[in-house]
Amino acid sequence: MNAVAIAHAGEIYRASTPVIRIQGIGGRRWKRNVAKGARIGPWLQAKYEILNKSVWESRTPCLYLVVGPDRGIRYVGISRNRLKDRWRASPAYDAETMQRLPENQLFHSQCWKHIERETEANPSAGFEVRCINADVLLPVLERLGPPLSAFTALRGDGEGIVAGVERWLCNKKGQAWCHGT
């Protein structure tokens, strides 16, 4: 990623609201009780905290950024509806017995395997998910100037703005950095 893109991503991150803190990954593996597919699991459990429930539940398109323990951005994605739909707390079942676990488990279909992999290499790794909607993002884009300020022409189209910025960030970093709609 070039220096300008890194600086712009950092500005967007700093303007974003902290929503979820993942303090660790481990414990017994769990599964979702859904139809077969990649999203069923098994997954490791997370110790997490919802830092801002109103932003997590807000029904507005948003851009989200996930940072790792070094404060480097790991993932960028969008939610067309609300962050809670992408970073959900799912009913969880023990992977071996399929007995319902007492607590729902945090889950993100594309990011989770990457978070698990990084935690394997660094067991103390923690992550933070931040979120920014178009209304908050617009003044940041104006301040940053071209090329990102071009997305301000989409004023009134929140989904278009966050999707455009996500695509720009992903194109600068590569697909491994970006997950989700």
N, C-alpha and C. Protein backbone atom coordinates (compact mmCIF):
# COMPACT_ATOMS: atom_id res chain seq x y z
N MET A 1 0.85 -1.17 0.00
CA MET A 1 0.00 0.00 0.00
C MET A 1 0.90 1.23 0.00
N ASN A 2 0.57 2.20 -0.83
CA ASN A 2 1.42 3.38 -0.90
C ASN A 2 1.20 4.28 0.31
N ALA A 3 2.13 5.21 0.52
CA ALA A 3 2.13 6.05 1.72
C ALA A 3 0.85 6.90 1.81
N VAL A 4 0.36 7.42 0.69
CA VAL A 4 -0.85 8.25 0.71
C VAL A 4 -2.05 7.40 1.15
N ALA A 5 -2.16 6.20 0.61
CA ALA A 5 -3.27 5.33 0.97
C ALA A 5 -3.21 4.94 2.45
N ILE A 6 -2.01 4.68 2.95
CA ILE A 6 -1.85 4.36 4.38
C ILE A 6 -2.28 5.54 5.24
N ALA A 7 -1.87 6.72 4.86
CA ALA A 7 -2.23 7.93 5.62
C ALA A 7 -3.75 8.14 5.58
N HIS A 8 -4.35 7.99 4.42
CA HIS A 8 -5.80 8.18 4.30
C HIS A 8 -6.56 7.13 5.11
N ALA A 9 -6.13 5.88 5.05
CA ALA A 9 -6.77 4.82 5.83
C ALA A 9 -6.67 5.13 7.32
N GLY A 10 -5.52 5.64 7.75
CA GLY A 10 -5.34 6.01 9.15
C GLY A 10 -6.26 7.13 9.58
N GLU A 11 -6.46 8.12 8.72
CA GLU A 11 -7.38 9.22 9.02
C GLU A 11 -8.82 8.71 9.15
N ILE A 12 -9.20 7.84 8.25
CA ILE A 12 -10.55 7.27 8.32
C ILE A 12 -10.71 6.44 9.59
N TYR A 13 -9.70 5.66 9.91
CA TYR A 13 -9.73 4.85 11.14
C TYR A 13 -9.88 5.75 12.37
N ARG A 14 -9.11 6.82 12.44
CA ARG A 14 -9.17 7.69 13.62
C ARG A 14 -10.52 8.40 13.73
N ALA A 15 -11.19 8.63 12.62
CA ALA A 15 -12.51 9.27 12.65
C ALA A 15 -13.64 8.28 12.95
N SER A 16 -13.32 7.00 12.90
CA SER A 16 -14.32 5.94 13.11
C SER A 16 -14.58 5.71 14.59
N THR A 17 -15.73 5.17 14.88
CA THR A 17 -16.15 4.88 16.25
C THR A 17 -15.75 3.46 16.64
N PRO A 18 -15.03 3.29 17.77
CA PRO A 18 -14.75 1.93 18.26
C PRO A 18 -16.07 1.25 18.64
N VAL A 19 -16.30 0.04 18.10
CA VAL A 19 -17.57 -0.64 18.35
C VAL A 19 -17.38 -1.99 19.04
N ILE A 20 -16.37 -2.75 18.64
CA ILE A 20 -16.15 -4.08 19.23
C ILE A 20 -14.67 -4.21 19.59
N ARG A 21 -14.41 -4.73 20.78
CA ARG A 21 -13.04 -5.06 21.17
C ARG A 21 -12.99 -6.57 21.38
N ILE A 22 -12.09 -7.22 20.65
CA ILE A 22 -11.87 -8.66 20.79
C ILE A 22 -10.58 -8.82 21.59
N GLN A 23 -10.72 -9.30 22.84
CA GLN A 23 -9.56 -9.39 23.72
C GLN A 23 -8.78 -10.68 23.54
N GLY A 24 -9.39 -11.69 22.94
CA GLY A 24 -8.70 -12.95 22.75
C GLY A 24 -9.60 -13.97 22.08
N ILE A 25 -8.96 -14.99 21.54
CA ILE A 25 -9.65 -16.07 20.85
C ILE A 25 -9.15 -17.38 21.45
N GLY A 26 -10.06 -18.30 21.74
CA GLY A 26 -9.63 -19.59 22.27
C GLY A 26 -10.81 -20.41 22.76
N GLY A 27 -10.53 -21.29 23.69
CA GLY A 27 -11.58 -22.13 24.26
C GLY A 27 -12.00 -23.25 23.33
N ARG A 28 -13.12 -23.85 23.66
CA ARG A 28 -13.65 -24.95 22.85
C ARG A 28 -14.21 -24.40 21.54
N ARG A 29 -14.08 -25.19 20.51
CA ARG A 29 -14.63 -24.79 19.20
C ARG A 29 -16.15 -24.90 19.22
N TRP A 30 -16.77 -24.03 18.45
CA TRP A 30 -18.22 -23.98 18.36
C TRP A 30 -18.64 -23.96 16.90
N LYS A 31 -19.91 -24.28 16.70
CA LYS A 31 -20.50 -24.25 15.36
C LYS A 31 -21.79 -23.46 15.41
N ARG A 32 -22.18 -23.02 14.25
CA ARG A 32 -23.51 -22.44 14.08
C ARG A 32 -24.44 -23.56 13.66
N ASN A 33 -25.67 -23.48 14.04
CA ASN A 33 -26.66 -24.49 13.68
C ASN A 33 -27.41 -23.99 12.44
N VAL A 34 -26.69 -23.99 11.31
CA VAL A 34 -27.25 -23.53 10.04
C VAL A 34 -26.98 -24.58 8.98
N ALA A 35 -27.53 -24.36 7.81
CA ALA A 35 -27.29 -25.29 6.71
C ALA A 35 -25.80 -25.43 6.46
N LYS A 36 -25.42 -26.50 5.81
CA LYS A 36 -24.01 -26.75 5.50
C LYS A 36 -23.41 -25.58 4.74
N GLY A 37 -22.11 -25.42 4.88
CA GLY A 37 -21.41 -24.37 4.16
C GLY A 37 -20.24 -23.86 4.96
N ALA A 38 -19.55 -22.90 4.39
CA ALA A 38 -18.34 -22.36 5.00
C ALA A 38 -18.63 -21.62 6.31
N ARG A 39 -19.84 -21.17 6.49
CA ARG A 39 -20.15 -20.34 7.65
C ARG A 39 -20.58 -21.13 8.87
N ILE A 40 -20.58 -22.45 8.80
CA ILE A 40 -21.05 -23.25 9.91
C ILE A 40 -19.99 -23.37 11.02
N GLY A 41 -18.71 -23.37 10.66
CA GLY A 41 -17.63 -23.51 11.64
C GLY A 41 -16.94 -24.85 11.45
N PRO A 42 -16.20 -25.32 12.41
CA PRO A 42 -16.11 -24.85 13.78
C PRO A 42 -15.18 -23.64 13.93
N TRP A 43 -15.47 -22.82 14.93
CA TRP A 43 -14.74 -21.60 15.19
C TRP A 43 -14.28 -21.58 16.64
N LEU A 44 -13.22 -20.83 16.90
CA LEU A 44 -12.81 -20.59 18.28
C LEU A 44 -13.67 -19.49 18.88
N GLN A 45 -13.84 -19.56 20.19
CA GLN A 45 -14.64 -18.57 20.89
C GLN A 45 -13.83 -17.29 21.12
N ALA A 46 -14.53 -16.18 21.16
CA ALA A 46 -13.89 -14.90 21.40
C ALA A 46 -14.29 -14.34 22.76
N LYS A 47 -13.33 -13.70 23.41
CA LYS A 47 -13.63 -12.83 24.53
C LYS A 47 -13.77 -11.46 23.91
N TYR A 48 -14.98 -10.90 23.96
CA TYR A 48 -15.21 -9.64 23.28
C TYR A 48 -16.13 -8.74 24.08
N GLU A 49 -16.11 -7.48 23.71
CA GLU A 49 -16.96 -6.49 24.34
C GLU A 49 -17.54 -5.59 23.26
N ILE A 50 -18.84 -5.37 23.32
CA ILE A 50 -19.48 -4.40 22.44
C ILE A 50 -19.28 -3.04 23.11
N LEU A 51 -18.49 -2.19 22.49
CA LEU A 51 -18.14 -0.89 23.07
C LEU A 51 -19.20 0.17 22.84
N ASN A 52 -19.90 0.05 21.72
CA ASN A 52 -20.92 1.05 21.39
C ASN A 52 -22.10 0.31 20.75
N LYS A 53 -23.05 -0.06 21.59
CA LYS A 53 -24.19 -0.85 21.14
C LYS A 53 -25.06 -0.08 20.15
N SER A 54 -25.22 1.21 20.33
CA SER A 54 -26.08 1.98 19.42
C SER A 54 -25.49 2.02 18.01
N VAL A 55 -24.18 2.14 17.88
CA VAL A 55 -23.56 2.12 16.54
C VAL A 55 -23.62 0.70 15.97
N TRP A 56 -23.40 -0.31 16.80
CA TRP A 56 -23.47 -1.70 16.37
C TRP A 56 -24.83 -2.03 15.79
N GLU A 57 -25.89 -1.47 16.40
CA GLU A 57 -27.26 -1.77 15.98
C GLU A 57 -27.85 -0.76 14.99
N SER A 58 -27.15 0.34 14.73
CA SER A 58 -27.69 1.40 13.86
C SER A 58 -27.95 0.89 12.45
N ARG A 59 -29.14 1.17 11.95
CA ARG A 59 -29.53 0.74 10.61
C ARG A 59 -29.10 1.78 9.58
N THR A 60 -27.81 1.75 9.27
CA THR A 60 -27.27 2.65 8.26
C THR A 60 -26.06 1.98 7.62
N PRO A 61 -25.88 2.15 6.32
CA PRO A 61 -24.69 1.59 5.68
C PRO A 61 -23.43 2.16 6.34
N CYS A 62 -22.43 1.32 6.51
CA CYS A 62 -21.20 1.78 7.14
C CYS A 62 -19.99 1.05 6.58
N LEU A 63 -18.86 1.71 6.74
CA LEU A 63 -17.56 1.14 6.45
C LEU A 63 -17.00 0.68 7.79
N TYR A 64 -16.41 -0.52 7.84
CA TYR A 64 -15.77 -0.93 9.08
C TYR A 64 -14.32 -1.29 8.82
N LEU A 65 -13.51 -1.05 9.84
CA LEU A 65 -12.08 -1.34 9.78
C LEU A 65 -11.73 -2.15 11.01
N VAL A 66 -10.90 -3.17 10.82
CA VAL A 66 -10.45 -4.01 11.93
C VAL A 66 -8.95 -3.82 12.06
N VAL A 67 -8.52 -3.48 13.27
CA VAL A 67 -7.08 -3.33 13.51
C VAL A 67 -6.61 -4.43 14.44
N GLY A 68 -5.35 -4.78 14.27
CA GLY A 68 -4.72 -5.81 15.09
C GLY A 68 -3.97 -5.20 16.26
N PRO A 69 -3.19 -6.02 16.95
CA PRO A 69 -2.50 -5.56 18.16
C PRO A 69 -1.47 -4.46 17.90
N ASP A 70 -0.96 -4.39 16.68
CA ASP A 70 0.01 -3.34 16.33
C ASP A 70 -0.67 -2.08 15.81
N ARG A 71 -1.99 -2.03 15.88
CA ARG A 71 -2.85 -0.94 15.41
C ARG A 71 -2.87 -0.83 13.89
N GLY A 72 -2.31 -1.83 13.21
CA GLY A 72 -2.37 -1.87 11.75
C GLY A 72 -3.73 -2.39 11.29
N ILE A 73 -4.21 -1.82 10.20
CA ILE A 73 -5.52 -2.24 9.68
C ILE A 73 -5.38 -3.62 9.05
N ARG A 74 -6.25 -4.53 9.49
CA ARG A 74 -6.24 -5.90 8.99
C ARG A 74 -7.33 -6.12 7.94
N TYR A 75 -8.49 -5.55 8.16
CA TYR A 75 -9.63 -5.82 7.30
C TYR A 75 -10.43 -4.54 7.10
N VAL A 76 -11.02 -4.44 5.93
CA VAL A 76 -11.92 -3.34 5.60
C VAL A 76 -13.14 -3.98 4.96
N GLY A 77 -14.30 -3.53 5.34
CA GLY A 77 -15.52 -4.05 4.73
C GLY A 77 -16.65 -3.06 4.89
N ILE A 78 -17.78 -3.41 4.33
CA ILE A 78 -18.97 -2.58 4.49
C ILE A 78 -20.13 -3.44 4.96
N SER A 79 -21.05 -2.77 5.58
CA SER A 79 -22.34 -3.37 5.86
C SER A 79 -23.38 -2.48 5.21
N ARG A 80 -24.23 -3.06 4.43
CA ARG A 80 -25.27 -2.27 3.76
C ARG A 80 -26.42 -1.93 4.70
N ASN A 81 -26.57 -2.67 5.78
CA ASN A 81 -27.68 -2.46 6.71
C ASN A 81 -27.21 -1.95 8.07
N ARG A 82 -26.49 -2.80 8.78
CA ARG A 82 -25.97 -2.42 10.10
C ARG A 82 -24.79 -3.32 10.42
N LEU A 83 -23.89 -2.82 11.25
CA LEU A 83 -22.69 -3.56 11.60
C LEU A 83 -23.04 -4.89 12.27
N LYS A 84 -24.09 -4.89 13.06
CA LYS A 84 -24.50 -6.10 13.77
C LYS A 84 -24.84 -7.24 12.81
N ASP A 85 -25.21 -6.93 11.58
CA ASP A 85 -25.50 -7.97 10.60
C ASP A 85 -24.22 -8.61 10.06
N ARG A 86 -23.12 -7.89 10.06
CA ARG A 86 -21.84 -8.44 9.59
C ARG A 86 -21.04 -9.05 10.74
N TRP A 87 -21.03 -8.37 11.88
CA TRP A 87 -20.33 -8.83 13.08
C TRP A 87 -21.41 -9.24 14.08
N ARG A 88 -21.92 -10.45 13.89
CA ARG A 88 -23.07 -10.88 14.68
C ARG A 88 -22.65 -11.73 15.87
N ALA A 89 -23.52 -11.73 16.86
CA ALA A 89 -23.39 -12.64 17.99
C ALA A 89 -24.36 -13.78 17.72
N SER A 90 -23.82 -14.91 17.28
CA SER A 90 -24.64 -16.03 16.83
C SER A 90 -24.88 -17.04 17.94
N PRO A 91 -26.07 -17.66 17.93
CA PRO A 91 -26.26 -18.81 18.82
C PRO A 91 -25.17 -19.84 18.51
N ALA A 92 -24.57 -20.36 19.56
CA ALA A 92 -23.41 -21.23 19.40
C ALA A 92 -23.66 -22.60 19.99
N TYR A 93 -23.10 -23.60 19.33
CA TYR A 93 -23.24 -24.99 19.74
C TYR A 93 -21.87 -25.62 19.81
N ASP A 94 -21.63 -26.42 20.86
CA ASP A 94 -20.36 -27.12 21.00
C ASP A 94 -20.10 -27.91 19.72
N ALA A 95 -18.90 -27.78 19.16
CA ALA A 95 -18.58 -28.39 17.88
C ALA A 95 -18.66 -29.92 17.92
N GLU A 96 -18.41 -30.52 19.07
CA GLU A 96 -18.43 -31.97 19.16
C GLU A 96 -19.80 -32.52 19.53
N THR A 97 -20.45 -31.90 20.49
CA THR A 97 -21.71 -32.45 21.00
C THR A 97 -22.95 -31.79 20.41
N MET A 98 -22.78 -30.63 19.82
CA MET A 98 -23.87 -29.79 19.29
C MET A 98 -24.85 -29.37 20.39
N GLN A 99 -24.36 -29.35 21.63
CA GLN A 99 -25.14 -28.82 22.75
C GLN A 99 -25.03 -27.29 22.72
N ARG A 100 -26.15 -26.63 22.94
CA ARG A 100 -26.19 -25.17 22.92
C ARG A 100 -25.28 -24.63 24.01
N LEU A 101 -24.40 -23.69 23.65
CA LEU A 101 -23.54 -23.02 24.63
C LEU A 101 -24.34 -21.92 25.32
N PRO A 102 -23.95 -21.58 26.54
CA PRO A 102 -24.72 -20.60 27.29
C PRO A 102 -24.69 -19.18 26.72
N GLU A 103 -23.66 -18.86 25.94
CA GLU A 103 -23.53 -17.51 25.40
C GLU A 103 -23.42 -17.54 23.89
N ASN A 104 -24.02 -16.56 23.25
CA ASN A 104 -23.82 -16.38 21.81
C ASN A 104 -22.36 -16.03 21.56
N GLN A 105 -21.89 -16.35 20.37
CA GLN A 105 -20.49 -16.11 20.05
C GLN A 105 -20.37 -15.12 18.89
N LEU A 106 -19.38 -14.25 19.01
CA LEU A 106 -19.10 -13.27 17.97
C LEU A 106 -18.59 -13.99 16.73
N PHE A 107 -19.02 -13.49 15.56
CA PHE A 107 -18.68 -14.18 14.32
C PHE A 107 -18.71 -13.19 13.16
N HIS A 108 -17.78 -13.36 12.23
CA HIS A 108 -17.77 -12.65 10.95
C HIS A 108 -17.33 -13.66 9.90
N SER A 109 -18.16 -13.87 8.91
CA SER A 109 -17.95 -14.99 7.99
C SER A 109 -16.61 -14.95 7.26
N GLN A 110 -16.14 -13.80 6.81
CA GLN A 110 -14.88 -13.77 6.08
C GLN A 110 -13.67 -13.53 6.98
N CYS A 111 -13.81 -12.73 8.01
CA CYS A 111 -12.66 -12.34 8.83
C CYS A 111 -12.24 -13.39 9.84
N TRP A 112 -13.18 -14.22 10.29
CA TRP A 112 -12.88 -15.05 11.46
C TRP A 112 -11.69 -15.97 11.25
N LYS A 113 -11.60 -16.61 10.09
CA LYS A 113 -10.47 -17.53 9.88
C LYS A 113 -9.14 -16.78 9.91
N HIS A 114 -9.11 -15.53 9.44
CA HIS A 114 -7.88 -14.73 9.47
C HIS A 114 -7.54 -14.32 10.90
N ILE A 115 -8.55 -13.97 11.68
CA ILE A 115 -8.33 -13.62 13.08
C ILE A 115 -7.80 -14.83 13.84
N GLU A 116 -8.39 -15.99 13.59
CA GLU A 116 -7.91 -17.21 14.24
C GLU A 116 -6.45 -17.49 13.87
N ARG A 117 -6.13 -17.35 12.60
CA ARG A 117 -4.77 -17.62 12.13
C ARG A 117 -3.77 -16.67 12.80
N GLU A 118 -4.11 -15.40 12.87
CA GLU A 118 -3.19 -14.45 13.51
C GLU A 118 -3.06 -14.73 14.99
N THR A 119 -4.14 -15.14 15.64
CA THR A 119 -4.11 -15.46 17.06
C THR A 119 -3.28 -16.71 17.33
N GLU A 120 -3.29 -17.66 16.38
CA GLU A 120 -2.43 -18.84 16.51
C GLU A 120 -0.97 -18.43 16.61
N ALA A 121 -0.56 -17.49 15.76
CA ALA A 121 0.82 -17.03 15.73
C ALA A 121 1.14 -16.11 16.92
N ASN A 122 0.13 -15.41 17.43
CA ASN A 122 0.30 -14.48 18.54
C ASN A 122 -0.90 -14.63 19.48
N PRO A 123 -0.82 -15.57 20.45
CA PRO A 123 -1.96 -15.86 21.31
C PRO A 123 -2.52 -14.66 22.08
N SER A 124 -1.73 -13.64 22.28
CA SER A 124 -2.23 -12.48 23.02
C SER A 124 -2.82 -11.41 22.10
N ALA A 125 -2.94 -11.72 20.81
CA ALA A 125 -3.46 -10.74 19.86
C ALA A 125 -4.89 -10.34 20.20
N GLY A 126 -5.13 -9.05 20.09
CA GLY A 126 -6.47 -8.52 20.26
C GLY A 126 -6.80 -7.68 19.03
N PHE A 127 -8.08 -7.45 18.82
CA PHE A 127 -8.53 -6.73 17.63
C PHE A 127 -9.60 -5.73 18.04
N GLU A 128 -9.71 -4.68 17.25
CA GLU A 128 -10.76 -3.70 17.46
C GLU A 128 -11.46 -3.46 16.13
N VAL A 129 -12.79 -3.44 16.19
CA VAL A 129 -13.60 -3.15 15.01
C VAL A 129 -14.14 -1.74 15.18
N ARG A 130 -13.87 -0.91 14.18
CA ARG A 130 -14.38 0.46 14.17
C ARG A 130 -15.31 0.64 12.98
N CYS A 131 -16.22 1.57 13.12
CA CYS A 131 -17.26 1.77 12.13
C CYS A 131 -17.42 3.26 11.84
N ILE A 132 -17.71 3.58 10.57
CA ILE A 132 -17.98 4.96 10.20
C ILE A 132 -19.07 4.97 9.13
N ASN A 133 -20.09 5.80 9.34
CA ASN A 133 -21.14 5.89 8.33
C ASN A 133 -20.85 7.06 7.40
N ALA A 134 -21.62 7.19 6.34
CA ALA A 134 -21.35 8.19 5.31
C ALA A 134 -21.41 9.61 5.84
N ASP A 135 -22.33 9.89 6.76
CA ASP A 135 -22.45 11.25 7.29
C ASP A 135 -21.18 11.69 8.02
N VAL A 136 -20.56 10.77 8.73
CA VAL A 136 -19.32 11.08 9.46
C VAL A 136 -18.13 11.02 8.49
N LEU A 137 -18.21 10.14 7.51
CA LEU A 137 -17.11 9.97 6.56
C LEU A 137 -16.97 11.15 5.59
N LEU A 138 -18.08 11.77 5.19
CA LEU A 138 -18.04 12.85 4.20
C LEU A 138 -17.06 13.97 4.54
N PRO A 139 -17.11 14.55 5.76
CA PRO A 139 -16.16 15.62 6.06
C PRO A 139 -14.70 15.14 6.07
N VAL A 140 -14.48 13.88 6.43
CA VAL A 140 -13.13 13.32 6.39
C VAL A 140 -12.65 13.28 4.94
N LEU A 141 -13.50 12.82 4.04
CA LEU A 141 -13.13 12.75 2.62
C LEU A 141 -12.86 14.14 2.06
N GLU A 142 -13.67 15.12 2.45
CA GLU A 142 -13.44 16.49 1.99
C GLU A 142 -12.09 17.00 2.46
N ARG A 143 -11.75 16.72 3.70
CA ARG A 143 -10.47 17.16 4.28
C ARG A 143 -9.29 16.46 3.60
N LEU A 144 -9.47 15.19 3.24
CA LEU A 144 -8.38 14.43 2.63
C LEU A 144 -8.09 14.88 1.20
N GLY A 145 -9.08 15.40 0.53
CA GLY A 145 -8.88 15.86 -0.85
C GLY A 145 -8.84 14.70 -1.83
N PRO A 146 -8.46 15.00 -3.10
CA PRO A 146 -8.45 13.96 -4.13
C PRO A 146 -7.46 12.85 -3.78
N PRO A 147 -7.75 11.63 -4.16
CA PRO A 147 -8.87 11.20 -4.97
C PRO A 147 -10.13 10.89 -4.16
N LEU A 148 -9.99 10.72 -2.83
CA LEU A 148 -11.14 10.31 -2.03
C LEU A 148 -12.25 11.35 -1.96
N SER A 149 -11.91 12.61 -2.08
CA SER A 149 -12.96 13.64 -2.02
C SER A 149 -13.94 13.52 -3.19
N ALA A 150 -13.56 12.81 -4.24
CA ALA A 150 -14.48 12.60 -5.36
C ALA A 150 -15.75 11.86 -4.92
N PHE A 151 -15.65 11.04 -3.87
CA PHE A 151 -16.82 10.30 -3.39
C PHE A 151 -17.85 11.21 -2.75
N THR A 152 -17.49 12.45 -2.44
CA THR A 152 -18.47 13.38 -1.86
C THR A 152 -19.54 13.73 -2.88
N ALA A 153 -19.29 13.49 -4.16
CA ALA A 153 -20.31 13.72 -5.19
C ALA A 153 -21.50 12.78 -4.99
N LEU A 154 -21.31 11.73 -4.22
CA LEU A 154 -22.38 10.77 -3.95
C LEU A 154 -23.20 11.16 -2.72
N ARG A 155 -23.03 12.38 -2.24
CA ARG A 155 -23.77 12.87 -1.06
C ARG A 155 -25.24 12.46 -1.17
N GLY A 156 -25.77 11.90 -0.09
CA GLY A 156 -27.15 11.42 -0.10
C GLY A 156 -27.26 9.93 -0.41
N ASP A 157 -26.18 9.33 -0.88
CA ASP A 157 -26.14 7.90 -1.18
C ASP A 157 -25.11 7.25 -0.24
N GLY A 158 -25.53 7.03 1.01
CA GLY A 158 -24.62 6.50 2.02
C GLY A 158 -23.97 5.19 1.62
N GLU A 159 -24.76 4.30 1.05
CA GLU A 159 -24.20 3.02 0.62
C GLU A 159 -23.16 3.21 -0.47
N GLY A 160 -23.42 4.09 -1.41
CA GLY A 160 -22.47 4.36 -2.49
C GLY A 160 -21.16 4.93 -1.98
N ILE A 161 -21.26 5.81 -1.01
CA ILE A 161 -20.05 6.43 -0.45
C ILE A 161 -19.18 5.39 0.26
N VAL A 162 -19.78 4.63 1.19
CA VAL A 162 -18.97 3.67 1.93
C VAL A 162 -18.46 2.56 1.02
N ALA A 163 -19.27 2.15 0.04
CA ALA A 163 -18.82 1.11 -0.90
C ALA A 163 -17.67 1.62 -1.77
N GLY A 164 -17.75 2.89 -2.21
CA GLY A 164 -16.69 3.46 -3.02
C GLY A 164 -15.38 3.57 -2.26
N VAL A 165 -15.46 4.01 -1.02
CA VAL A 165 -14.24 4.14 -0.21
C VAL A 165 -13.67 2.76 0.10
N GLU A 166 -14.53 1.81 0.41
CA GLU A 166 -14.05 0.44 0.65
C GLU A 166 -13.30 -0.08 -0.58
N ARG A 167 -13.88 0.09 -1.75
CA ARG A 167 -13.26 -0.40 -2.97
C ARG A 167 -11.92 0.29 -3.21
N TRP A 168 -11.86 1.60 -2.98
CA TRP A 168 -10.61 2.33 -3.16
C TRP A 168 -9.53 1.78 -2.21
N LEU A 169 -9.89 1.60 -0.93
CA LEU A 169 -8.93 1.07 0.04
C LEU A 169 -8.49 -0.34 -0.35
N CYS A 170 -9.44 -1.16 -0.77
CA CYS A 170 -9.10 -2.54 -1.17
C CYS A 170 -8.20 -2.56 -2.40
N ASN A 171 -8.46 -1.69 -3.34
CA ASN A 171 -7.62 -1.64 -4.54
C ASN A 171 -6.20 -1.20 -4.21
N LYS A 172 -6.03 -0.42 -3.17
CA LYS A 172 -4.70 0.03 -2.77
C LYS A 172 -3.94 -1.02 -1.99
N LYS A 173 -4.66 -1.85 -1.27
CA LYS A 173 -4.02 -2.85 -0.42
C LYS A 173 -4.07 -4.25 -1.03
N GLY A 174 -5.15 -4.57 -1.71
CA GLY A 174 -5.32 -5.92 -2.25
C GLY A 174 -6.47 -6.61 -1.59
N GLN A 175 -6.99 -7.61 -2.24
CA GLN A 175 -8.20 -8.29 -1.78
C GLN A 175 -8.06 -8.97 -0.43
N ALA A 176 -6.85 -9.35 -0.03
CA ALA A 176 -6.69 -10.01 1.25
C ALA A 176 -7.08 -9.12 2.41
N TRP A 177 -7.15 -7.82 2.18
CA TRP A 177 -7.43 -6.86 3.22
C TRP A 177 -8.92 -6.60 3.36
N CYS A 178 -9.70 -6.97 2.39
CA CYS A 178 -11.07 -6.50 2.31
C CYS A 178 -12.06 -7.65 2.33
N HIS A 179 -13.11 -7.44 3.12
CA HIS A 179 -14.09 -8.49 3.31
C HIS A 179 -15.48 -7.91 3.47
N GLY A 180 -16.33 -8.14 2.55
CA GLY A 180 -17.71 -8.13 2.86
C GLY A 180 -18.63 -7.02 2.45
N THR A 181 -19.85 -7.44 2.23
CA THR A 181 -20.95 -6.51 1.96
C THR A 181 -22.13 -6.87 2.82
